[in-house]
């Protein structure tokens, strides 16, 4: 898989997290955890902390990420605990899903794709969710000024109402905006939605 600035940025971050044995769920993962059941797709799983937590709850999880470091770590952690996790390195801008899922989670991933690929990927995620299934999606939106993690040629800051529009007609369980301080007096502005498919 060809490398880009974003993948390299997170490979270094994941290596630091593995070295420090950091495995706490971030706030978005903590909010997603109560919604996980059955067959789960973790699309852009990163270190796999949410994947492992879901598997510990009895879920069968497919975890996909572009980071070889993260997927290798997840393989080892799941094997050590004997958890039902299938983890794969994937180019998520081009990956095509197969099968159906009870829950699909994509936290902090879609904004690292170009906008056309991000929109296509989200449509693919929505299509592979069973009726009555739950989507948990989190993206950076316009207003974000921390750009160090982005490949200059490949990223997408979404309009603030993007997720609400894309999930129109679904049962909205939760929808929120959150701003977080970032290095250099910058801001990360997130939109998160939890929605149930009709």
N, C-alpha and C. Protein backbone atom coordinates (compact mmCIF):
# COMPACT_ATOMS: atom_id res chain seq x y z
N UNK A 1 0.85 -1.18 0.00
CA UNK A 1 0.00 0.00 0.00
C UNK A 1 0.88 1.23 0.00
N UNK A 2 0.56 2.20 -0.85
CA UNK A 2 1.37 3.41 -0.88
C UNK A 2 1.15 4.21 0.40
N UNK A 3 2.20 4.84 0.87
CA UNK A 3 2.15 5.61 2.10
C UNK A 3 1.68 7.02 1.81
N UNK A 4 1.13 7.67 2.83
CA UNK A 4 0.86 9.10 2.72
C UNK A 4 1.13 9.73 4.08
N UNK A 5 1.07 11.03 4.14
CA UNK A 5 1.42 11.75 5.37
C UNK A 5 0.56 11.30 6.54
N UNK A 6 -0.74 11.14 6.33
CA UNK A 6 -1.65 10.76 7.42
C UNK A 6 -1.32 9.37 7.98
N UNK A 7 -1.10 8.41 7.08
CA UNK A 7 -0.75 7.06 7.55
C UNK A 7 0.56 7.10 8.32
N UNK A 8 1.54 7.81 7.81
CA UNK A 8 2.83 7.92 8.50
C UNK A 8 2.67 8.58 9.87
N UNK A 9 1.85 9.63 9.93
CA UNK A 9 1.59 10.33 11.19
C UNK A 9 1.05 9.35 12.24
N UNK A 10 0.07 8.54 11.84
CA UNK A 10 -0.54 7.63 12.80
C UNK A 10 0.32 6.41 13.09
N UNK A 11 1.12 5.96 12.12
CA UNK A 11 2.06 4.86 12.42
C UNK A 11 2.97 5.27 13.57
N UNK A 12 3.49 6.51 13.51
CA UNK A 12 4.36 6.99 14.60
C UNK A 12 3.59 7.11 15.91
N UNK A 13 2.37 7.61 15.84
CA UNK A 13 1.56 7.74 17.05
C UNK A 13 1.25 6.38 17.66
N UNK A 14 0.89 5.41 16.82
CA UNK A 14 0.57 4.07 17.32
C UNK A 14 1.80 3.41 17.95
N UNK A 15 2.97 3.60 17.34
CA UNK A 15 4.20 3.04 17.91
C UNK A 15 4.44 3.60 19.32
N UNK A 16 4.21 4.91 19.49
CA UNK A 16 4.34 5.53 20.82
C UNK A 16 3.33 4.94 21.80
N UNK A 17 2.09 4.76 21.34
CA UNK A 17 1.05 4.22 22.21
C UNK A 17 1.35 2.78 22.62
N UNK A 18 1.86 1.98 21.70
CA UNK A 18 2.23 0.60 22.04
C UNK A 18 3.35 0.60 23.06
N UNK A 19 4.35 1.45 22.84
CA UNK A 19 5.48 1.53 23.76
C UNK A 19 5.03 1.92 25.17
N UNK A 20 4.05 2.83 25.24
CA UNK A 20 3.55 3.30 26.54
C UNK A 20 2.42 2.43 27.09
N UNK A 21 2.03 1.39 26.34
CA UNK A 21 0.93 0.50 26.72
C UNK A 21 -0.37 1.29 26.97
N UNK A 22 -0.64 2.26 26.08
CA UNK A 22 -1.85 3.06 26.19
C UNK A 22 -3.00 2.32 25.50
N UNK A 23 -4.05 2.02 26.26
CA UNK A 23 -5.16 1.27 25.68
C UNK A 23 -6.53 1.81 26.10
N UNK A 24 -6.57 2.99 26.69
CA UNK A 24 -7.84 3.56 27.12
C UNK A 24 -8.67 3.98 25.90
N UNK A 25 -9.97 3.80 26.01
CA UNK A 25 -10.87 4.26 24.96
C UNK A 25 -10.93 5.78 24.95
N UNK A 26 -10.94 6.37 23.76
CA UNK A 26 -11.12 7.82 23.69
C UNK A 26 -12.60 8.14 23.93
N UNK A 27 -12.95 9.41 24.11
CA UNK A 27 -14.36 9.73 24.43
C UNK A 27 -15.36 9.25 23.39
N UNK A 28 -14.99 9.26 22.11
CA UNK A 28 -15.91 8.81 21.06
C UNK A 28 -16.10 7.30 21.13
N UNK A 29 -15.03 6.57 21.40
CA UNK A 29 -15.13 5.11 21.56
C UNK A 29 -15.96 4.76 22.78
N UNK A 30 -15.78 5.47 23.87
CA UNK A 30 -16.58 5.22 25.07
C UNK A 30 -18.06 5.41 24.78
N UNK A 31 -18.41 6.45 24.01
CA UNK A 31 -19.80 6.70 23.67
C UNK A 31 -20.37 5.63 22.75
N UNK A 32 -19.52 5.02 21.91
CA UNK A 32 -19.97 3.98 20.99
C UNK A 32 -20.20 2.64 21.68
N UNK A 33 -19.46 2.37 22.72
CA UNK A 33 -19.44 1.04 23.35
C UNK A 33 -20.82 0.50 23.70
N UNK A 34 -21.73 1.28 24.28
CA UNK A 34 -23.04 0.71 24.63
C UNK A 34 -23.88 0.28 23.44
N UNK A 35 -23.54 0.72 22.25
CA UNK A 35 -24.33 0.40 21.05
C UNK A 35 -23.84 -0.85 20.32
N UNK A 36 -22.75 -1.44 20.78
CA UNK A 36 -22.14 -2.54 20.04
C UNK A 36 -22.80 -3.87 20.38
N UNK A 37 -23.12 -4.64 19.32
CA UNK A 37 -23.76 -5.95 19.49
C UNK A 37 -23.59 -6.74 18.20
N UNK A 38 -23.68 -8.05 18.31
CA UNK A 38 -23.67 -8.91 17.13
C UNK A 38 -22.41 -8.80 16.31
N UNK A 39 -22.57 -8.70 14.98
CA UNK A 39 -21.43 -8.58 14.08
C UNK A 39 -21.11 -7.11 13.88
N UNK A 40 -19.89 -6.72 14.23
CA UNK A 40 -19.47 -5.32 14.24
C UNK A 40 -18.36 -5.10 13.22
N UNK A 41 -18.45 -4.00 12.48
CA UNK A 41 -17.36 -3.54 11.63
C UNK A 41 -16.75 -2.31 12.27
N UNK A 42 -15.45 -2.34 12.54
CA UNK A 42 -14.71 -1.17 13.03
C UNK A 42 -13.88 -0.68 11.85
N UNK A 43 -14.39 0.34 11.16
CA UNK A 43 -13.83 0.84 9.91
C UNK A 43 -12.90 2.00 10.22
N UNK A 44 -11.60 1.70 10.20
CA UNK A 44 -10.59 2.66 10.66
C UNK A 44 -10.37 2.45 12.14
N UNK A 45 -10.00 1.22 12.50
CA UNK A 45 -9.96 0.79 13.91
C UNK A 45 -8.78 1.36 14.69
N UNK A 46 -7.76 1.89 14.00
CA UNK A 46 -6.60 2.37 14.72
C UNK A 46 -5.99 1.27 15.57
N UNK A 47 -5.66 1.59 16.80
CA UNK A 47 -5.02 0.63 17.71
C UNK A 47 -5.91 -0.56 18.05
N UNK A 48 -7.21 -0.41 17.80
CA UNK A 48 -8.12 -1.53 18.05
C UNK A 48 -8.66 -1.58 19.46
N UNK A 49 -8.55 -0.49 20.20
CA UNK A 49 -9.06 -0.52 21.58
C UNK A 49 -10.56 -0.76 21.62
N UNK A 50 -11.31 -0.13 20.71
CA UNK A 50 -12.75 -0.36 20.67
C UNK A 50 -13.07 -1.76 20.16
N UNK A 51 -12.31 -2.22 19.17
CA UNK A 51 -12.48 -3.58 18.66
C UNK A 51 -12.35 -4.60 19.79
N UNK A 52 -11.31 -4.46 20.59
CA UNK A 52 -11.08 -5.40 21.69
C UNK A 52 -12.20 -5.30 22.73
N UNK A 53 -12.64 -4.09 23.03
CA UNK A 53 -13.72 -3.92 24.00
C UNK A 53 -15.00 -4.57 23.49
N UNK A 54 -15.29 -4.43 22.19
CA UNK A 54 -16.47 -5.05 21.60
C UNK A 54 -16.38 -6.57 21.67
N UNK A 55 -15.22 -7.11 21.33
CA UNK A 55 -15.04 -8.56 21.37
C UNK A 55 -15.17 -9.10 22.79
N UNK A 56 -14.71 -8.35 23.77
CA UNK A 56 -14.87 -8.76 25.17
C UNK A 56 -16.34 -8.80 25.58
N UNK A 57 -17.17 -8.00 24.91
CA UNK A 57 -18.62 -8.02 25.18
C UNK A 57 -19.33 -9.13 24.41
N UNK A 58 -18.59 -9.92 23.64
CA UNK A 58 -19.18 -11.03 22.91
C UNK A 58 -19.47 -10.75 21.45
N UNK A 59 -19.09 -9.58 20.94
CA UNK A 59 -19.30 -9.26 19.53
C UNK A 59 -18.25 -9.97 18.67
N UNK A 60 -18.63 -10.27 17.44
CA UNK A 60 -17.70 -10.74 16.43
C UNK A 60 -17.31 -9.53 15.61
N UNK A 61 -16.01 -9.22 15.53
CA UNK A 61 -15.58 -7.93 14.97
C UNK A 61 -14.66 -8.11 13.77
N UNK A 62 -14.97 -7.36 12.71
CA UNK A 62 -14.05 -7.18 11.59
C UNK A 62 -13.46 -5.78 11.75
N UNK A 63 -12.14 -5.70 11.88
CA UNK A 63 -11.44 -4.43 12.10
C UNK A 63 -10.55 -4.15 10.91
N UNK A 64 -10.69 -2.96 10.32
CA UNK A 64 -9.91 -2.57 9.15
C UNK A 64 -9.19 -1.27 9.42
N UNK A 65 -7.92 -1.20 8.98
CA UNK A 65 -7.17 0.04 9.12
C UNK A 65 -6.01 0.02 8.12
N UNK A 66 -5.53 1.20 7.75
CA UNK A 66 -4.40 1.31 6.82
C UNK A 66 -3.05 1.13 7.52
N UNK A 67 -3.04 1.16 8.85
CA UNK A 67 -1.78 1.08 9.60
C UNK A 67 -1.36 -0.37 9.85
N UNK A 68 -0.24 -0.74 9.28
CA UNK A 68 0.30 -2.09 9.54
C UNK A 68 0.70 -2.25 10.99
N UNK A 69 1.22 -1.19 11.60
CA UNK A 69 1.61 -1.23 13.01
C UNK A 69 0.40 -1.52 13.89
N UNK A 70 -0.70 -0.81 13.64
CA UNK A 70 -1.90 -0.99 14.44
C UNK A 70 -2.50 -2.38 14.27
N UNK A 71 -2.58 -2.86 13.04
CA UNK A 71 -3.19 -4.17 12.80
C UNK A 71 -2.34 -5.29 13.40
N UNK A 72 -1.02 -5.19 13.30
CA UNK A 72 -0.15 -6.19 13.92
C UNK A 72 -0.35 -6.21 15.43
N UNK A 73 -0.45 -5.03 16.03
CA UNK A 73 -0.71 -4.94 17.47
C UNK A 73 -2.06 -5.57 17.82
N UNK A 74 -3.08 -5.28 17.02
CA UNK A 74 -4.41 -5.81 17.28
C UNK A 74 -4.44 -7.33 17.16
N UNK A 75 -3.78 -7.88 16.14
CA UNK A 75 -3.68 -9.34 16.00
C UNK A 75 -3.12 -9.96 17.27
N UNK A 76 -2.03 -9.40 17.75
CA UNK A 76 -1.37 -9.94 18.94
C UNK A 76 -2.25 -9.83 20.17
N UNK A 77 -2.87 -8.67 20.36
CA UNK A 77 -3.72 -8.47 21.54
C UNK A 77 -4.93 -9.39 21.53
N UNK A 78 -5.57 -9.55 20.36
CA UNK A 78 -6.74 -10.42 20.26
C UNK A 78 -6.36 -11.88 20.48
N UNK A 79 -5.23 -12.30 19.91
CA UNK A 79 -4.78 -13.68 20.09
C UNK A 79 -4.46 -13.97 21.54
N UNK A 80 -3.84 -13.02 22.23
CA UNK A 80 -3.49 -13.20 23.64
C UNK A 80 -4.73 -13.45 24.49
N UNK A 81 -5.83 -12.74 24.16
CA UNK A 81 -7.07 -12.89 24.93
C UNK A 81 -8.03 -13.91 24.34
N UNK A 82 -7.70 -14.46 23.17
CA UNK A 82 -8.59 -15.43 22.53
C UNK A 82 -9.91 -14.82 22.09
N UNK A 83 -9.85 -13.62 21.53
CA UNK A 83 -11.06 -12.89 21.16
C UNK A 83 -11.42 -13.09 19.69
N UNK A 84 -12.72 -12.99 19.40
CA UNK A 84 -13.24 -13.17 18.03
C UNK A 84 -13.05 -11.89 17.23
N UNK A 85 -11.84 -11.70 16.74
CA UNK A 85 -11.50 -10.50 15.97
C UNK A 85 -10.84 -10.91 14.67
N UNK A 86 -11.31 -10.35 13.57
CA UNK A 86 -10.64 -10.49 12.28
C UNK A 86 -10.11 -9.11 11.94
N UNK A 87 -8.79 -8.95 11.87
CA UNK A 87 -8.17 -7.64 11.65
C UNK A 87 -7.38 -7.67 10.34
N UNK A 88 -7.58 -6.64 9.52
CA UNK A 88 -6.94 -6.61 8.20
C UNK A 88 -6.41 -5.21 7.89
N UNK A 89 -5.23 -5.17 7.27
CA UNK A 89 -4.73 -3.92 6.70
C UNK A 89 -5.49 -3.68 5.40
N UNK A 90 -6.00 -2.47 5.24
CA UNK A 90 -6.79 -2.17 4.04
C UNK A 90 -6.62 -0.70 3.65
N UNK A 91 -6.63 -0.45 2.35
CA UNK A 91 -6.67 0.90 1.84
C UNK A 91 -8.14 1.32 1.86
N UNK A 92 -8.54 2.05 2.88
CA UNK A 92 -9.95 2.31 3.11
C UNK A 92 -10.56 3.29 2.12
N UNK A 93 -9.73 3.98 1.37
CA UNK A 93 -10.25 4.84 0.30
C UNK A 93 -10.78 4.01 -0.86
N UNK A 94 -10.30 2.78 -0.99
CA UNK A 94 -10.68 1.94 -2.13
C UNK A 94 -11.35 0.64 -1.71
N UNK A 95 -11.36 0.34 -0.44
CA UNK A 95 -11.87 -0.95 0.04
C UNK A 95 -13.37 -1.08 -0.23
N UNK A 96 -13.78 -2.25 -0.67
CA UNK A 96 -15.20 -2.56 -0.87
C UNK A 96 -15.62 -3.62 0.13
N UNK A 97 -16.69 -3.35 0.83
CA UNK A 97 -17.17 -4.26 1.86
C UNK A 97 -17.95 -5.41 1.26
N UNK A 98 -18.01 -6.51 2.01
CA UNK A 98 -18.91 -7.61 1.68
C UNK A 98 -19.57 -8.05 2.97
N UNK A 99 -20.75 -8.62 2.86
CA UNK A 99 -21.47 -9.08 4.05
C UNK A 99 -22.23 -7.94 4.70
N UNK A 100 -22.94 -8.30 5.76
CA UNK A 100 -23.74 -7.34 6.48
C UNK A 100 -23.33 -7.31 7.94
N UNK A 101 -23.61 -6.18 8.59
CA UNK A 101 -23.19 -5.97 9.97
C UNK A 101 -24.35 -5.43 10.80
N UNK A 102 -24.37 -5.80 12.07
CA UNK A 102 -25.37 -5.27 13.00
C UNK A 102 -25.01 -3.86 13.44
N UNK A 103 -23.72 -3.59 13.54
CA UNK A 103 -23.22 -2.28 13.94
C UNK A 103 -22.00 -1.96 13.10
N UNK A 104 -21.94 -0.72 12.61
CA UNK A 104 -20.76 -0.24 11.90
C UNK A 104 -20.28 1.01 12.60
N UNK A 105 -19.00 1.01 12.94
CA UNK A 105 -18.37 2.14 13.61
C UNK A 105 -17.27 2.69 12.71
N UNK A 106 -17.29 4.00 12.52
CA UNK A 106 -16.19 4.67 11.82
C UNK A 106 -15.89 5.95 12.59
N UNK A 107 -14.92 5.85 13.47
CA UNK A 107 -14.57 6.98 14.34
C UNK A 107 -13.24 7.57 13.87
N UNK A 108 -13.28 8.83 13.47
CA UNK A 108 -12.05 9.53 13.15
C UNK A 108 -11.32 9.02 11.93
N UNK A 109 -12.05 8.55 10.92
CA UNK A 109 -11.39 8.00 9.74
C UNK A 109 -11.73 8.73 8.45
N UNK A 110 -12.99 8.99 8.19
CA UNK A 110 -13.42 9.44 6.87
C UNK A 110 -12.75 10.73 6.43
N UNK A 111 -12.39 11.60 7.37
CA UNK A 111 -11.79 12.89 7.00
C UNK A 111 -10.38 12.73 6.42
N UNK A 112 -9.79 11.54 6.56
CA UNK A 112 -8.45 11.32 6.00
C UNK A 112 -8.50 10.85 4.55
N UNK A 113 -9.69 10.69 4.00
CA UNK A 113 -9.86 10.34 2.59
C UNK A 113 -10.20 11.61 1.82
N UNK A 114 -9.95 11.60 0.53
CA UNK A 114 -10.46 12.71 -0.27
C UNK A 114 -11.99 12.67 -0.20
N UNK A 115 -12.62 13.82 -0.44
CA UNK A 115 -14.07 13.91 -0.21
C UNK A 115 -14.87 12.90 -1.04
N UNK A 116 -14.50 12.69 -2.30
CA UNK A 116 -15.24 11.74 -3.13
C UNK A 116 -15.14 10.33 -2.56
N UNK A 117 -13.94 9.93 -2.12
CA UNK A 117 -13.76 8.60 -1.53
C UNK A 117 -14.48 8.49 -0.20
N UNK A 118 -14.46 9.57 0.59
CA UNK A 118 -15.15 9.55 1.89
C UNK A 118 -16.65 9.39 1.71
N UNK A 119 -17.23 10.09 0.74
CA UNK A 119 -18.67 9.98 0.49
C UNK A 119 -19.02 8.57 0.01
N UNK A 120 -18.19 8.02 -0.90
CA UNK A 120 -18.43 6.67 -1.37
C UNK A 120 -18.34 5.66 -0.25
N UNK A 121 -17.30 5.80 0.60
CA UNK A 121 -17.11 4.86 1.71
C UNK A 121 -18.29 4.92 2.67
N UNK A 122 -18.77 6.11 2.97
CA UNK A 122 -19.91 6.22 3.88
C UNK A 122 -21.14 5.56 3.28
N UNK A 123 -21.37 5.74 1.99
CA UNK A 123 -22.48 5.06 1.34
C UNK A 123 -22.35 3.56 1.42
N UNK A 124 -21.13 3.05 1.26
CA UNK A 124 -20.87 1.61 1.37
C UNK A 124 -21.16 1.12 2.79
N UNK A 125 -20.73 1.90 3.79
CA UNK A 125 -21.01 1.53 5.18
C UNK A 125 -22.51 1.46 5.43
N UNK A 126 -23.24 2.47 4.97
CA UNK A 126 -24.69 2.49 5.17
C UNK A 126 -25.36 1.29 4.49
N UNK A 127 -24.89 0.95 3.29
CA UNK A 127 -25.49 -0.14 2.53
C UNK A 127 -25.26 -1.51 3.17
N UNK A 128 -24.18 -1.67 3.93
CA UNK A 128 -23.84 -2.98 4.50
C UNK A 128 -24.29 -3.14 5.95
N UNK A 129 -25.11 -2.22 6.41
CA UNK A 129 -25.71 -2.31 7.73
C UNK A 129 -27.07 -2.97 7.59
N UNK A 130 -27.40 -3.95 8.45
CA UNK A 130 -28.69 -4.61 8.38
C UNK A 130 -29.80 -3.64 8.76
N UNK A 131 -31.02 -3.83 8.27
CA UNK A 131 -32.13 -3.01 8.75
C UNK A 131 -32.24 -3.12 10.27
N UNK A 132 -32.38 -1.98 10.93
CA UNK A 132 -32.40 -1.96 12.39
C UNK A 132 -31.01 -1.90 13.00
N UNK A 133 -29.98 -1.96 12.16
CA UNK A 133 -28.61 -1.88 12.64
C UNK A 133 -28.22 -0.45 12.97
N UNK A 134 -27.12 -0.31 13.68
CA UNK A 134 -26.70 0.99 14.18
C UNK A 134 -25.37 1.42 13.56
N UNK A 135 -25.34 2.67 13.12
CA UNK A 135 -24.10 3.28 12.63
C UNK A 135 -23.62 4.30 13.66
N UNK A 136 -22.32 4.28 13.93
CA UNK A 136 -21.68 5.27 14.79
C UNK A 136 -20.57 5.90 13.95
N UNK A 137 -20.75 7.16 13.58
CA UNK A 137 -19.81 7.82 12.68
C UNK A 137 -19.34 9.13 13.30
N UNK A 138 -18.04 9.36 13.21
CA UNK A 138 -17.43 10.55 13.79
C UNK A 138 -16.43 11.11 12.78
N UNK A 139 -16.54 12.43 12.50
CA UNK A 139 -15.66 13.06 11.52
C UNK A 139 -15.24 14.44 12.01
N UNK A 140 -14.14 14.94 11.47
CA UNK A 140 -13.77 16.33 11.67
C UNK A 140 -14.54 17.19 10.68
N UNK A 141 -14.97 18.36 11.14
CA UNK A 141 -15.78 19.23 10.31
C UNK A 141 -15.12 20.58 10.13
N UNK A 142 -15.71 21.38 9.25
CA UNK A 142 -15.22 22.73 9.01
C UNK A 142 -15.16 23.49 10.33
N UNK A 143 -14.11 24.27 10.51
CA UNK A 143 -13.83 24.91 11.78
C UNK A 143 -12.60 24.30 12.43
N UNK A 144 -12.22 23.10 11.98
CA UNK A 144 -10.98 22.47 12.44
C UNK A 144 -9.80 23.26 11.89
N UNK A 145 -8.87 23.62 12.78
CA UNK A 145 -7.67 24.35 12.34
C UNK A 145 -6.39 23.56 12.57
N UNK A 146 -6.47 22.41 13.27
CA UNK A 146 -5.28 21.56 13.46
C UNK A 146 -5.15 20.66 12.23
N UNK A 147 -4.13 20.92 11.42
CA UNK A 147 -3.99 20.22 10.15
C UNK A 147 -2.76 19.33 10.06
N UNK A 148 -1.96 19.23 11.14
CA UNK A 148 -0.68 18.50 11.08
C UNK A 148 -0.84 17.04 10.68
N UNK A 149 -1.99 16.45 10.98
CA UNK A 149 -2.18 15.01 10.74
C UNK A 149 -2.62 14.70 9.31
N UNK A 150 -2.98 15.74 8.56
CA UNK A 150 -3.53 15.51 7.23
C UNK A 150 -2.47 15.50 6.16
N UNK A 151 -2.64 14.61 5.18
CA UNK A 151 -1.90 14.69 3.94
C UNK A 151 -2.51 15.88 3.18
N UNK A 152 -1.69 16.86 2.78
CA UNK A 152 -2.25 18.06 2.15
C UNK A 152 -3.12 17.78 0.93
N UNK A 153 -2.84 16.68 0.23
CA UNK A 153 -3.59 16.40 -1.00
C UNK A 153 -4.79 15.49 -0.77
N UNK A 154 -4.93 14.93 0.44
CA UNK A 154 -5.98 13.93 0.65
C UNK A 154 -6.60 14.08 2.02
N UNK A 155 -7.62 14.90 2.11
CA UNK A 155 -8.40 14.98 3.33
C UNK A 155 -9.72 15.67 3.03
N UNK A 156 -10.63 15.62 3.98
CA UNK A 156 -11.95 16.19 3.76
C UNK A 156 -12.51 16.69 5.08
N UNK A 157 -12.62 18.00 5.22
CA UNK A 157 -13.34 18.57 6.36
C UNK A 157 -14.79 18.75 5.92
N UNK A 158 -15.69 18.08 6.63
CA UNK A 158 -17.09 18.04 6.23
C UNK A 158 -17.85 19.27 6.70
N UNK A 159 -18.91 19.67 5.96
CA UNK A 159 -19.81 20.68 6.50
C UNK A 159 -20.39 20.20 7.83
N UNK A 160 -20.70 21.12 8.72
CA UNK A 160 -21.17 20.74 10.05
C UNK A 160 -22.46 19.91 10.01
N UNK A 161 -23.30 20.13 9.00
CA UNK A 161 -24.57 19.39 8.93
C UNK A 161 -24.48 18.13 8.06
N UNK A 162 -23.28 17.76 7.66
CA UNK A 162 -23.11 16.64 6.71
C UNK A 162 -23.71 15.34 7.22
N UNK A 163 -23.39 14.94 8.44
CA UNK A 163 -23.88 13.65 8.95
C UNK A 163 -25.40 13.66 9.12
N UNK A 164 -25.95 14.76 9.63
CA UNK A 164 -27.40 14.85 9.79
C UNK A 164 -28.09 14.68 8.43
N UNK A 165 -27.51 15.28 7.39
CA UNK A 165 -28.09 15.17 6.05
C UNK A 165 -27.97 13.75 5.51
N UNK A 166 -26.80 13.13 5.67
CA UNK A 166 -26.58 11.78 5.14
C UNK A 166 -27.41 10.72 5.84
N UNK A 167 -27.80 10.98 7.08
CA UNK A 167 -28.60 10.01 7.82
C UNK A 167 -30.06 10.45 7.96
N UNK A 168 -30.50 11.34 7.08
CA UNK A 168 -31.91 11.75 7.07
C UNK A 168 -32.78 10.51 6.82
N UNK A 169 -33.85 10.37 7.58
CA UNK A 169 -34.74 9.21 7.45
C UNK A 169 -34.37 8.06 8.39
N UNK A 170 -33.19 8.13 9.01
CA UNK A 170 -32.79 7.15 10.01
C UNK A 170 -33.24 7.64 11.38
N UNK A 171 -33.34 6.74 12.34
CA UNK A 171 -33.63 7.15 13.71
C UNK A 171 -32.33 7.68 14.33
N UNK A 172 -32.31 8.95 14.67
CA UNK A 172 -31.11 9.55 15.25
C UNK A 172 -31.13 9.32 16.76
N UNK A 173 -30.22 8.51 17.23
CA UNK A 173 -30.12 8.19 18.65
C UNK A 173 -29.33 9.29 19.37
N UNK A 174 -28.30 9.78 18.71
CA UNK A 174 -27.48 10.86 19.28
C UNK A 174 -26.79 11.60 18.14
N UNK A 175 -26.68 12.90 18.27
CA UNK A 175 -25.94 13.71 17.30
C UNK A 175 -25.38 14.89 18.05
N UNK A 176 -24.06 15.13 17.88
CA UNK A 176 -23.44 16.24 18.63
C UNK A 176 -22.23 16.78 17.91
N UNK A 177 -21.88 18.00 18.30
CA UNK A 177 -20.66 18.66 17.86
C UNK A 177 -19.80 18.89 19.10
N UNK A 178 -18.49 18.70 18.96
CA UNK A 178 -17.57 18.93 20.06
C UNK A 178 -16.29 19.54 19.53
N UNK A 179 -15.80 20.54 20.23
CA UNK A 179 -14.52 21.15 19.90
C UNK A 179 -13.49 20.77 20.96
N UNK A 180 -12.28 20.46 20.51
CA UNK A 180 -11.20 20.11 21.41
C UNK A 180 -9.98 20.97 21.08
N UNK A 181 -9.32 21.47 22.12
CA UNK A 181 -8.09 22.23 21.92
C UNK A 181 -7.02 21.30 21.35
N UNK A 182 -6.22 21.83 20.43
CA UNK A 182 -5.16 21.07 19.78
C UNK A 182 -3.87 21.87 19.86
N UNK A 183 -2.73 21.25 19.52
CA UNK A 183 -1.45 21.95 19.61
C UNK A 183 -1.42 23.23 18.79
N UNK A 184 -0.61 24.19 19.26
CA UNK A 184 -0.40 25.43 18.53
C UNK A 184 -1.60 26.35 18.52
N UNK A 185 -2.42 26.28 19.56
CA UNK A 185 -3.59 27.16 19.66
C UNK A 185 -4.59 26.88 18.55
N UNK A 186 -4.69 25.63 18.14
CA UNK A 186 -5.63 25.23 17.08
C UNK A 186 -6.77 24.42 17.70
N UNK A 187 -7.71 24.02 16.85
CA UNK A 187 -8.93 23.35 17.31
C UNK A 187 -9.23 22.15 16.42
N UNK A 188 -9.73 21.08 17.04
CA UNK A 188 -10.33 19.98 16.30
C UNK A 188 -11.83 20.05 16.55
N UNK A 189 -12.61 20.19 15.49
CA UNK A 189 -14.07 20.26 15.59
C UNK A 189 -14.67 18.97 15.04
N UNK A 190 -15.35 18.23 15.91
CA UNK A 190 -15.90 16.93 15.55
C UNK A 190 -17.42 16.97 15.46
N UNK A 191 -17.96 16.19 14.53
CA UNK A 191 -19.38 15.87 14.51
C UNK A 191 -19.48 14.36 14.69
N UNK A 192 -20.43 13.93 15.52
CA UNK A 192 -20.63 12.51 15.78
C UNK A 192 -22.12 12.20 15.68
N UNK A 193 -22.44 11.07 15.07
CA UNK A 193 -23.84 10.65 14.99
C UNK A 193 -23.95 9.18 15.32
N UNK A 194 -25.01 8.84 16.04
CA UNK A 194 -25.40 7.44 16.27
C UNK A 194 -26.79 7.32 15.68
N UNK A 195 -26.95 6.47 14.67
CA UNK A 195 -28.21 6.39 13.94
C UNK A 195 -28.59 4.95 13.66
N UNK A 196 -29.89 4.67 13.75
CA UNK A 196 -30.41 3.32 13.48
C UNK A 196 -31.06 3.28 12.11
N UNK A 197 -30.67 2.29 11.32
CA UNK A 197 -31.17 2.16 9.95
C UNK A 197 -32.63 1.71 9.96
N UNK A 198 -33.44 2.32 9.12
CA UNK A 198 -34.86 1.90 9.05
C UNK A 198 -35.01 0.43 8.65
